[in-house]
Amino acid sequence: MPRTTILAVALAASTLTALPGCLVTSNTSSSYSGNRVEPGDERQVLLRQTTTDEAVDILGEPTTRWTNDRGEEVLTWTWTKRSQSSGSVFLIFGGSSDTTQEHSLNIAFRDGVAARKWRD
């Protein structure tokens, strides 16, 4: 194989190898609003043991407090997670996404003690 052909092939191969690393970009970010409860934090609230005041000390001030038909005081923490991501390949493709998720944690207290809890 002639020397110029070998040089041309080597130059083409090195150019193609280097280009993909330079042409791809991406960005991802998340933000929260409301009274967020970290995943797993509600495990510190023990059923039939933790009082209403102790739950507030552990999880922070709830978004709402109300009394249900069973006479239980229900504390609800509500928050929103917004995720944004974008990416592009130089001069070929570009895209983005924006998602919003609503979350809540509810704890029902009977006689001032945690009786049940659930996430929505």
N, C-alpha and C. Protein backbone atom coordinates (compact mmCIF):
# COMPACT_ATOMS: atom_id res chain seq x y z
N MET A 1 0.86 -1.16 0.00
CA MET A 1 0.00 0.00 0.00
C MET A 1 0.91 1.23 0.00
N PRO A 2 0.62 2.21 -0.87
CA PRO A 2 1.46 3.41 -0.94
C PRO A 2 1.41 4.19 0.37
N ARG A 3 2.48 4.89 0.63
CA ARG A 3 2.62 5.65 1.88
C ARG A 3 1.54 6.73 2.02
N THR A 4 1.17 7.40 0.96
CA THR A 4 0.12 8.44 1.01
C THR A 4 -1.22 7.84 1.37
N THR A 5 -1.52 6.64 0.93
CA THR A 5 -2.77 5.97 1.27
C THR A 5 -2.80 5.63 2.76
N ILE A 6 -1.68 5.14 3.28
CA ILE A 6 -1.59 4.80 4.71
C ILE A 6 -1.78 6.06 5.55
N LEU A 7 -1.15 7.16 5.17
CA LEU A 7 -1.31 8.42 5.89
C LEU A 7 -2.75 8.93 5.84
N ALA A 8 -3.38 8.80 4.67
CA ALA A 8 -4.77 9.26 4.53
C ALA A 8 -5.71 8.44 5.41
N VAL A 9 -5.51 7.12 5.44
CA VAL A 9 -6.34 6.24 6.27
C VAL A 9 -6.11 6.56 7.75
N ALA A 10 -4.88 6.74 8.15
CA ALA A 10 -4.56 7.06 9.55
C ALA A 10 -5.16 8.39 9.95
N LEU A 11 -5.09 9.40 9.08
CA LEU A 11 -5.66 10.71 9.37
C LEU A 11 -7.18 10.62 9.49
N ALA A 12 -7.81 9.90 8.59
CA ALA A 12 -9.27 9.74 8.63
C ALA A 12 -9.70 9.01 9.91
N ALA A 13 -9.00 7.95 10.28
CA ALA A 13 -9.34 7.19 11.48
C ALA A 13 -9.18 8.03 12.73
N SER A 14 -8.10 8.80 12.82
CA SER A 14 -7.89 9.62 14.01
C SER A 14 -8.91 10.75 14.08
N THR A 15 -9.31 11.31 12.95
CA THR A 15 -10.32 12.37 12.93
C THR A 15 -11.67 11.83 13.38
N LEU A 16 -12.07 10.67 12.87
CA LEU A 16 -13.36 10.08 13.25
C LEU A 16 -13.38 9.66 14.71
N THR A 17 -12.27 9.24 15.25
CA THR A 17 -12.20 8.86 16.66
C THR A 17 -12.32 10.08 17.56
N ALA A 18 -11.72 11.19 17.19
CA ALA A 18 -11.72 12.39 18.03
C ALA A 18 -13.02 13.17 17.96
N LEU A 19 -13.72 13.15 16.84
CA LEU A 19 -14.90 13.98 16.66
C LEU A 19 -16.05 13.68 17.62
N PRO A 20 -16.47 12.42 17.84
CA PRO A 20 -17.62 12.19 18.69
C PRO A 20 -17.47 12.77 20.10
N GLY A 21 -16.29 12.73 20.68
CA GLY A 21 -16.09 13.29 22.01
C GLY A 21 -16.27 14.80 22.05
N CYS A 22 -16.07 15.46 20.95
CA CYS A 22 -16.17 16.91 20.90
C CYS A 22 -17.55 17.40 20.53
N LEU A 23 -18.38 16.54 19.96
CA LEU A 23 -19.63 17.00 19.38
C LEU A 23 -20.85 16.75 20.24
N VAL A 24 -20.75 16.01 21.31
CA VAL A 24 -21.90 15.66 22.12
C VAL A 24 -21.94 16.52 23.38
N THR A 25 -23.10 17.13 23.66
CA THR A 25 -23.27 17.89 24.90
C THR A 25 -24.56 17.47 25.58
N SER A 26 -24.61 17.58 26.89
CA SER A 26 -25.85 17.29 27.63
C SER A 26 -25.86 18.09 28.92
N ASN A 27 -27.08 18.32 29.41
CA ASN A 27 -27.27 19.07 30.64
C ASN A 27 -28.53 18.56 31.33
N THR A 28 -28.45 18.31 32.63
CA THR A 28 -29.60 17.85 33.41
C THR A 28 -29.65 18.63 34.71
N SER A 29 -30.87 19.05 35.09
CA SER A 29 -31.02 19.75 36.37
C SER A 29 -32.39 19.41 36.97
N SER A 30 -32.46 19.46 38.30
CA SER A 30 -33.71 19.22 39.03
C SER A 30 -33.89 20.32 40.05
N SER A 31 -35.14 20.71 40.27
CA SER A 31 -35.44 21.70 41.31
C SER A 31 -36.71 21.26 42.03
N TYR A 32 -36.81 21.65 43.29
CA TYR A 32 -37.94 21.28 44.12
C TYR A 32 -38.62 22.53 44.66
N SER A 33 -39.94 22.44 44.84
CA SER A 33 -40.67 23.51 45.50
C SER A 33 -41.68 22.86 46.44
N GLY A 34 -42.02 23.56 47.51
CA GLY A 34 -42.95 23.01 48.50
C GLY A 34 -42.22 22.48 49.71
N ASN A 35 -42.93 21.66 50.49
CA ASN A 35 -42.40 21.10 51.74
C ASN A 35 -41.93 19.67 51.49
N ARG A 36 -40.73 19.55 50.90
CA ARG A 36 -40.19 18.26 50.48
C ARG A 36 -39.77 17.41 51.67
N VAL A 37 -40.10 16.11 51.57
CA VAL A 37 -39.64 15.11 52.54
C VAL A 37 -38.71 14.17 51.77
N GLU A 38 -37.47 14.07 52.22
CA GLU A 38 -36.50 13.21 51.56
C GLU A 38 -36.98 11.75 51.60
N PRO A 39 -36.70 10.98 50.55
CA PRO A 39 -37.09 9.57 50.55
C PRO A 39 -36.53 8.86 51.79
N GLY A 40 -37.38 8.13 52.46
CA GLY A 40 -36.96 7.38 53.64
C GLY A 40 -37.07 8.12 54.96
N ASP A 41 -37.17 9.46 54.93
CA ASP A 41 -37.25 10.21 56.19
C ASP A 41 -38.49 9.84 57.01
N GLU A 42 -39.57 9.45 56.32
CA GLU A 42 -40.78 9.10 57.06
C GLU A 42 -40.61 7.84 57.89
N ARG A 43 -39.54 7.06 57.63
CA ARG A 43 -39.27 5.87 58.45
C ARG A 43 -38.96 6.23 59.90
N GLN A 44 -38.54 7.46 60.12
CA GLN A 44 -38.26 7.91 61.49
C GLN A 44 -39.54 8.13 62.29
N VAL A 45 -40.67 8.25 61.57
CA VAL A 45 -41.97 8.40 62.23
C VAL A 45 -42.52 7.00 62.44
N LEU A 46 -42.53 6.56 63.69
CA LEU A 46 -42.94 5.20 64.03
C LEU A 46 -44.41 5.16 64.39
N LEU A 47 -45.12 4.21 63.75
CA LEU A 47 -46.54 4.05 64.03
C LEU A 47 -46.74 3.62 65.49
N ARG A 48 -47.78 4.15 66.09
CA ARG A 48 -48.17 3.89 67.49
C ARG A 48 -47.14 4.36 68.51
N GLN A 49 -46.16 5.22 68.05
CA GLN A 49 -45.16 5.75 68.97
C GLN A 49 -44.93 7.25 68.81
N THR A 50 -44.81 7.72 67.56
CA THR A 50 -44.44 9.11 67.30
C THR A 50 -45.64 10.03 67.44
N THR A 51 -45.46 11.12 68.18
CA THR A 51 -46.53 12.10 68.35
C THR A 51 -46.54 13.09 67.19
N THR A 52 -47.60 13.88 67.13
CA THR A 52 -47.72 14.90 66.08
C THR A 52 -46.56 15.88 66.15
N ASP A 53 -46.25 16.39 67.34
CA ASP A 53 -45.15 17.35 67.48
C ASP A 53 -43.80 16.73 67.10
N GLU A 54 -43.58 15.47 67.45
CA GLU A 54 -42.33 14.80 67.09
C GLU A 54 -42.21 14.65 65.57
N ALA A 55 -43.33 14.33 64.91
CA ALA A 55 -43.32 14.19 63.45
C ALA A 55 -42.95 15.52 62.79
N VAL A 56 -43.48 16.62 63.30
CA VAL A 56 -43.15 17.94 62.75
C VAL A 56 -41.68 18.26 62.99
N ASP A 57 -41.17 17.89 64.15
CA ASP A 57 -39.74 18.10 64.42
C ASP A 57 -38.86 17.31 63.45
N ILE A 58 -39.29 16.10 63.10
CA ILE A 58 -38.51 15.23 62.21
C ILE A 58 -38.61 15.69 60.75
N LEU A 59 -39.84 15.98 60.30
CA LEU A 59 -40.09 16.21 58.88
C LEU A 59 -40.27 17.67 58.48
N GLY A 60 -40.37 18.54 59.45
CA GLY A 60 -40.62 19.94 59.14
C GLY A 60 -42.11 20.24 59.13
N GLU A 61 -42.43 21.50 58.97
CA GLU A 61 -43.84 21.93 59.00
C GLU A 61 -44.59 21.36 57.79
N PRO A 62 -45.77 20.75 58.02
CA PRO A 62 -46.53 20.20 56.89
C PRO A 62 -47.18 21.30 56.05
N THR A 63 -47.56 20.94 54.84
CA THR A 63 -48.25 21.87 53.95
C THR A 63 -49.67 22.11 54.44
N THR A 64 -50.35 21.03 54.87
CA THR A 64 -51.72 21.14 55.37
C THR A 64 -51.92 20.24 56.59
N ARG A 65 -52.91 20.62 57.40
CA ARG A 65 -53.39 19.82 58.54
C ARG A 65 -54.90 19.80 58.44
N TRP A 66 -55.50 18.64 58.56
CA TRP A 66 -56.95 18.55 58.50
C TRP A 66 -57.42 17.33 59.29
N THR A 67 -58.69 17.27 59.58
CA THR A 67 -59.27 16.15 60.31
C THR A 67 -60.17 15.38 59.35
N ASN A 68 -59.95 14.05 59.25
CA ASN A 68 -60.75 13.24 58.33
C ASN A 68 -62.03 12.74 59.00
N ASP A 69 -62.82 11.95 58.26
CA ASP A 69 -64.11 11.44 58.77
C ASP A 69 -63.94 10.48 59.95
N ARG A 70 -62.77 9.91 60.12
CA ARG A 70 -62.51 8.99 61.24
C ARG A 70 -62.10 9.73 62.51
N GLY A 71 -61.97 11.05 62.41
CA GLY A 71 -61.54 11.84 63.55
C GLY A 71 -60.02 11.89 63.71
N GLU A 72 -59.29 11.43 62.69
CA GLU A 72 -57.84 11.46 62.73
C GLU A 72 -57.35 12.81 62.22
N GLU A 73 -56.30 13.33 62.85
CA GLU A 73 -55.64 14.52 62.33
C GLU A 73 -54.65 14.05 61.28
N VAL A 74 -54.75 14.59 60.06
CA VAL A 74 -53.89 14.18 58.96
C VAL A 74 -52.96 15.35 58.62
N LEU A 75 -51.67 15.08 58.66
CA LEU A 75 -50.67 16.05 58.24
C LEU A 75 -50.17 15.64 56.86
N THR A 76 -50.10 16.62 55.95
CA THR A 76 -49.68 16.34 54.58
C THR A 76 -48.54 17.27 54.19
N TRP A 77 -47.48 16.67 53.69
CA TRP A 77 -46.35 17.42 53.14
C TRP A 77 -46.44 17.25 51.63
N THR A 78 -46.47 18.37 50.89
CA THR A 78 -46.62 18.34 49.43
C THR A 78 -45.47 19.09 48.79
N TRP A 79 -44.92 18.53 47.70
CA TRP A 79 -43.84 19.21 46.98
C TRP A 79 -43.87 18.81 45.50
N THR A 80 -43.18 19.59 44.70
CA THR A 80 -43.09 19.38 43.25
C THR A 80 -41.63 19.25 42.86
N LYS A 81 -41.35 18.28 42.00
CA LYS A 81 -40.00 18.11 41.45
C LYS A 81 -40.08 18.43 39.95
N ARG A 82 -39.22 19.34 39.52
CA ARG A 82 -39.15 19.69 38.10
C ARG A 82 -37.78 19.27 37.59
N SER A 83 -37.77 18.43 36.55
CA SER A 83 -36.52 17.96 35.95
C SER A 83 -36.43 18.48 34.52
N GLN A 84 -35.28 19.01 34.19
CA GLN A 84 -35.03 19.51 32.84
C GLN A 84 -33.76 18.87 32.32
N SER A 85 -33.79 18.43 31.07
CA SER A 85 -32.59 17.89 30.46
C SER A 85 -32.57 18.28 28.99
N SER A 86 -31.37 18.42 28.48
CA SER A 86 -31.19 18.73 27.06
C SER A 86 -29.89 18.11 26.59
N GLY A 87 -29.83 17.86 25.32
CA GLY A 87 -28.62 17.30 24.74
C GLY A 87 -28.57 17.62 23.26
N SER A 88 -27.37 17.56 22.72
CA SER A 88 -27.23 17.82 21.30
C SER A 88 -25.98 17.15 20.76
N VAL A 89 -26.03 16.87 19.50
CA VAL A 89 -24.88 16.40 18.74
C VAL A 89 -24.69 17.46 17.66
N PHE A 90 -23.54 18.08 17.63
CA PHE A 90 -23.25 19.23 16.78
C PHE A 90 -23.77 19.05 15.36
N LEU A 91 -24.66 19.95 14.94
CA LEU A 91 -25.23 20.03 13.59
C LEU A 91 -26.05 18.82 13.17
N ILE A 92 -26.33 17.89 14.08
CA ILE A 92 -27.08 16.70 13.68
C ILE A 92 -28.40 16.59 14.43
N PHE A 93 -28.38 16.67 15.76
CA PHE A 93 -29.57 16.43 16.55
C PHE A 93 -29.54 17.27 17.81
N GLY A 94 -30.70 17.75 18.22
CA GLY A 94 -30.83 18.46 19.49
C GLY A 94 -32.18 18.13 20.09
N GLY A 95 -32.24 17.99 21.40
CA GLY A 95 -33.51 17.66 22.04
C GLY A 95 -33.50 18.09 23.48
N SER A 96 -34.71 18.17 24.05
CA SER A 96 -34.83 18.53 25.46
C SER A 96 -36.11 17.94 26.03
N SER A 97 -36.15 17.85 27.35
CA SER A 97 -37.37 17.40 28.03
C SER A 97 -37.52 18.19 29.32
N ASP A 98 -38.76 18.37 29.71
CA ASP A 98 -39.10 19.11 30.93
C ASP A 98 -40.26 18.36 31.58
N THR A 99 -40.01 17.77 32.76
CA THR A 99 -41.07 17.02 33.44
C THR A 99 -41.32 17.59 34.82
N THR A 100 -42.56 17.52 35.25
CA THR A 100 -42.96 17.98 36.58
C THR A 100 -43.70 16.84 37.27
N GLN A 101 -43.30 16.53 38.51
CA GLN A 101 -43.94 15.47 39.28
C GLN A 101 -44.41 16.03 40.61
N GLU A 102 -45.65 15.74 40.96
CA GLU A 102 -46.22 16.13 42.24
C GLU A 102 -46.06 14.96 43.22
N HIS A 103 -45.65 15.26 44.45
CA HIS A 103 -45.46 14.23 45.48
C HIS A 103 -46.13 14.69 46.77
N SER A 104 -46.54 13.73 47.59
CA SER A 104 -47.02 14.08 48.92
C SER A 104 -46.83 12.91 49.88
N LEU A 105 -46.67 13.26 51.13
CA LEU A 105 -46.59 12.30 52.23
C LEU A 105 -47.70 12.66 53.19
N ASN A 106 -48.48 11.67 53.59
CA ASN A 106 -49.59 11.87 54.52
C ASN A 106 -49.36 10.99 55.75
N ILE A 107 -49.60 11.58 56.92
CA ILE A 107 -49.54 10.80 58.15
C ILE A 107 -50.80 11.12 58.95
N ALA A 108 -51.54 10.07 59.30
CA ALA A 108 -52.76 10.22 60.09
C ALA A 108 -52.44 9.92 61.55
N PHE A 109 -52.90 10.80 62.44
CA PHE A 109 -52.66 10.66 63.88
C PHE A 109 -53.99 10.42 64.58
N ARG A 110 -54.02 9.40 65.41
CA ARG A 110 -55.19 9.09 66.22
C ARG A 110 -54.80 9.26 67.68
N ASP A 111 -55.53 10.11 68.38
CA ASP A 111 -55.22 10.42 69.79
C ASP A 111 -53.80 10.95 69.93
N GLY A 112 -53.35 11.72 68.93
CA GLY A 112 -52.05 12.39 68.99
C GLY A 112 -50.85 11.53 68.65
N VAL A 113 -51.09 10.27 68.22
CA VAL A 113 -50.00 9.34 67.90
C VAL A 113 -50.18 8.84 66.46
N ALA A 114 -49.06 8.68 65.75
CA ALA A 114 -49.11 8.23 64.35
C ALA A 114 -49.83 6.89 64.24
N ALA A 115 -50.87 6.84 63.38
CA ALA A 115 -51.65 5.63 63.20
C ALA A 115 -51.37 4.97 61.84
N ARG A 116 -51.15 5.79 60.82
CA ARG A 116 -50.83 5.26 59.48
C ARG A 116 -50.17 6.35 58.66
N LYS A 117 -49.46 5.93 57.61
CA LYS A 117 -48.79 6.89 56.73
C LYS A 117 -48.76 6.32 55.32
N TRP A 118 -48.79 7.24 54.34
CA TRP A 118 -48.76 6.84 52.94
C TRP A 118 -48.26 7.98 52.07
N ARG A 119 -47.73 7.60 50.91
CA ARG A 119 -47.26 8.57 49.91
C ARG A 119 -48.21 8.54 48.72
N ASP A 120 -48.43 9.70 48.14
CA ASP A 120 -49.21 9.82 46.90
C ASP A 120 -48.29 10.24 45.79
